[in-house]
Amino acid sequence: MSASTMILTEDEPRAAEVLAFPQRPQDRLRIALHKLDEALRAQARATADFRAAMGELKTKMGDVQTGMLTYRDALDRTASDIDHAVQKAKELRETAQRLVPQG
């Protein structure tokens, strides 16, 4: 297999690429500004992604809060129903005790 048709996998090291160093100061400055511009664009994308993720997190946390409030309300209703059932059971026990002849 020739070098031009060789396919490297991600695990295989790649050969180092030699770049010519610009001789003129204007060229070095132009390259530096280009790299800075690329870095600023990457930072802007990362910031936008972060803000989007924070917005999604805020939405999800609101959903969790709503779910917890709904759950708490259901627990409160259940506790109230249990208190009511306990009171009715006590009333029935008192009624049964009155109806059963003491012996």
C-alpha atoms as a PDB file:
ATOM      1  CA  MET A   1       0.000   0.000   0.000  1.00  0.00           C
ATOM      2  CA  SER A   2       1.438   3.369  -0.922  1.00  0.00           C
ATOM      3  CA  ALA A   3       1.590   6.312   1.462  1.00  0.00           C
ATOM      4  CA  SER A   4      -0.989   8.209  -0.571  1.00  0.00           C
ATOM      5  CA  THR A   5      -3.617   5.474  -0.119  1.00  0.00           C
ATOM      6  CA  MET A   6      -2.864   4.636   3.524  1.00  0.00           C
ATOM      7  CA  ILE A   7      -5.760   5.326   5.887  1.00  0.00           C
ATOM      8  CA  LEU A   8      -4.944   6.131   9.506  1.00  0.00           C
ATOM      9  CA  THR A   9      -7.302   5.245  12.299  1.00  0.00           C
ATOM     10  CA  GLU A  10      -7.867   7.589  15.226  1.00  0.00           C
ATOM     11  CA  ASP A  11      -5.519   5.508  17.372  1.00  0.00           C
ATOM     12  CA  GLU A  12      -2.569   5.808  14.990  1.00  0.00           C
ATOM     13  CA  PRO A  13      -0.248   8.801  15.343  1.00  0.00           C
ATOM     14  CA  ARG A  14      -0.194  11.275  12.479  1.00  0.00           C
ATOM     15  CA  ALA A  15       2.970  12.644  10.965  1.00  0.00           C
ATOM     16  CA  ALA A  16       3.926  16.132  12.080  1.00  0.00           C
ATOM     17  CA  GLU A  17       3.183  18.851   9.562  1.00  0.00           C
ATOM     18  CA  VAL A  18       5.979  21.354   9.034  1.00  0.00           C
ATOM     19  CA  LEU A  19       4.799  24.902   8.479  1.00  0.00           C
ATOM     20  CA  ALA A  20       6.932  27.666   7.053  1.00  0.00           C
ATOM     21  CA  PHE A  21       7.423  30.520   9.499  1.00  0.00           C
ATOM     22  CA  PRO A  22       6.478  33.836   7.886  1.00  0.00           C
ATOM     23  CA  GLN A  23       9.459  36.096   7.411  1.00  0.00           C
ATOM     24  CA  ARG A  24       7.714  39.453   7.169  1.00  0.00           C
ATOM     25  CA  PRO A  25       6.262  41.024  10.351  1.00  0.00           C
ATOM     26  CA  GLN A  26       3.051  41.894   8.470  1.00  0.00           C
ATOM     27  CA  ASP A  27       2.553  38.208   7.606  1.00  0.00           C
ATOM     28  CA  ARG A  28       3.125  37.146  11.214  1.00  0.00           C
ATOM     29  CA  LEU A  29       0.696  39.806  12.397  1.00  0.00           C
ATOM     30  CA  ARG A  30      -1.887  38.775   9.790  1.00  0.00           C
ATOM     31  CA  ILE A  31      -1.620  35.118  10.869  1.00  0.00           C
ATOM     32  CA  ALA A  32      -1.797  36.047  14.563  1.00  0.00           C
ATOM     33  CA  LEU A  33      -4.898  38.180  13.965  1.00  0.00           C
ATOM     34  CA  HIS A  34      -6.479  35.383  11.940  1.00  0.00           C
ATOM     35  CA  LYS A  35      -5.838  32.910  14.783  1.00  0.00           C
ATOM     36  CA  LEU A  36      -7.216  35.402  17.296  1.00  0.00           C
ATOM     37  CA  ASP A  37     -10.333  35.841  15.161  1.00  0.00           C
ATOM     38  CA  GLU A  38     -10.786  32.051  15.027  1.00  0.00           C
ATOM     39  CA  ALA A  39     -10.396  31.834  18.797  1.00  0.00           C
ATOM     40  CA  LEU A  40     -12.949  34.614  19.334  1.00  0.00           C
ATOM     41  CA  ARG A  41     -15.445  32.850  17.050  1.00  0.00           C
ATOM     42  CA  ALA A  42     -14.904  29.591  18.930  1.00  0.00           C
ATOM     43  CA  GLN A  43     -15.401  31.413  22.234  1.00  0.00           C
ATOM     44  CA  ALA A  44     -18.601  33.023  20.949  1.00  0.00           C
ATOM     45  CA  ARG A  45     -19.926  29.605  19.876  1.00  0.00           C
ATOM     46  CA  ALA A  46     -19.011  28.113  23.258  1.00  0.00           C
ATOM     47  CA  THR A  47     -20.696  31.014  25.067  1.00  0.00           C
ATOM     48  CA  ALA A  48     -23.849  30.619  22.971  1.00  0.00           C
ATOM     49  CA  ASP A  49     -23.877  26.870  23.640  1.00  0.00           C
ATOM     50  CA  PHE A  50     -23.404  27.510  27.362  1.00  0.00           C
ATOM     51  CA  ARG A  51     -26.270  30.011  27.433  1.00  0.00           C
ATOM     52  CA  ALA A  52     -28.513  27.587  25.552  1.00  0.00           C
ATOM     53  CA  ALA A  53     -27.631  24.821  28.009  1.00  0.00           C
ATOM     54  CA  MET A  54     -28.341  27.112  30.959  1.00  0.00           C
ATOM     55  CA  GLY A  55     -31.709  28.035  29.452  1.00  0.00           C
ATOM     56  CA  GLU A  56     -32.540  24.361  29.016  1.00  0.00           C
ATOM     57  CA  LEU A  57     -31.448  23.665  32.593  1.00  0.00           C
ATOM     58  CA  LYS A  58     -33.694  26.486  33.832  1.00  0.00           C
ATOM     59  CA  THR A  59     -36.629  24.984  31.947  1.00  0.00           C
ATOM     60  CA  LYS A  60     -35.941  21.495  33.302  1.00  0.00           C
ATOM     61  CA  MET A  61     -35.575  22.801  36.854  1.00  0.00           C
ATOM     62  CA  GLY A  62     -38.921  24.577  36.474  1.00  0.00           C
ATOM     63  CA  ASP A  63     -40.438  21.276  35.360  1.00  0.00           C
ATOM     64  CA  VAL A  64     -38.927  19.540  38.399  1.00  0.00           C
ATOM     65  CA  GLN A  65     -40.278  22.246  40.708  1.00  0.00           C
ATOM     66  CA  THR A  66     -43.750  21.932  39.183  1.00  0.00           C
ATOM     67  CA  GLY A  67     -43.610  18.156  39.596  1.00  0.00           C
ATOM     68  CA  MET A  68     -42.517  18.459  43.218  1.00  0.00           C
ATOM     69  CA  LEU A  69     -45.330  20.909  43.994  1.00  0.00           C
ATOM     70  CA  THR A  70     -47.842  18.560  42.382  1.00  0.00           C
ATOM     71  CA  TYR A  71     -46.419  15.647  44.381  1.00  0.00           C
ATOM     72  CA  ARG A  72     -46.550  17.667  47.619  1.00  0.00           C
ATOM     73  CA  ASP A  73     -50.187  18.591  46.949  1.00  0.00           C
ATOM     74  CA  ALA A  74     -51.013  14.918  46.339  1.00  0.00           C
ATOM     75  CA  LEU A  75     -49.291  13.970  49.617  1.00  0.00           C
ATOM     76  CA  ASP A  76     -51.235  16.688  51.474  1.00  0.00           C
ATOM     77  CA  ARG A  77     -54.522  15.407  50.034  1.00  0.00           C
ATOM     78  CA  THR A  78     -53.567  11.840  50.950  1.00  0.00           C
ATOM     79  CA  ALA A  79     -52.712  12.880  54.515  1.00  0.00           C
ATOM     80  CA  SER A  80     -56.044  14.670  54.779  1.00  0.00           C
ATOM     81  CA  ASP A  81     -57.868  11.599  53.444  1.00  0.00           C
ATOM     82  CA  ILE A  82     -56.029   9.396  55.966  1.00  0.00           C
ATOM     83  CA  ASP A  83     -56.919  11.740  58.841  1.00  0.00           C
ATOM     84  CA  HIS A  84     -60.553  11.659  57.732  1.00  0.00           C
ATOM     85  CA  ALA A  85     -60.492   7.841  57.485  1.00  0.00           C
ATOM     86  CA  VAL A  86     -58.918   7.538  60.949  1.00  0.00           C
ATOM     87  CA  GLN A  87     -61.593   9.812  62.413  1.00  0.00           C
ATOM     88  CA  LYS A  88     -64.357   7.768  60.771  1.00  0.00           C
ATOM     89  CA  ALA A  89     -62.766   4.537  62.037  1.00  0.00           C
ATOM     90  CA  LYS A  90     -62.755   5.925  65.586  1.00  0.00           C
ATOM     91  CA  GLU A  91     -66.413   6.899  65.242  1.00  0.00           C
ATOM     92  CA  LEU A  92     -67.295   3.413  63.970  1.00  0.00           C
ATOM     93  CA  ARG A  93     -65.378   1.779  66.826  1.00  0.00           C
ATOM     94  CA  GLU A  94     -67.247   3.928  69.364  1.00  0.00           C
ATOM     95  CA  THR A  95     -70.557   3.071  67.710  1.00  0.00           C
ATOM     96  CA  ALA A  96     -69.671  -0.652  67.679  1.00  0.00           C
ATOM     97  CA  GLN A  97     -68.716  -0.520  71.356  1.00  0.00           C
ATOM     98  CA  ARG A  98     -72.056   1.050  72.219  1.00  0.00           C
ATOM     99  CA  LEU A  99     -73.961  -1.560  70.226  1.00  0.00           C
ATOM    100  CA  VAL A 100     -72.138  -4.594  71.567  1.00  0.00           C
ATOM    101  CA  PRO A 101     -73.599  -5.716  74.880  1.00  0.00           C
ATOM    102  CA  GLN A 102     -71.144  -5.463  77.724  1.00  0.00           C
ATOM    103  CA  GLY A 103     -70.779  -8.746  79.168  1.00  0.00           C
END
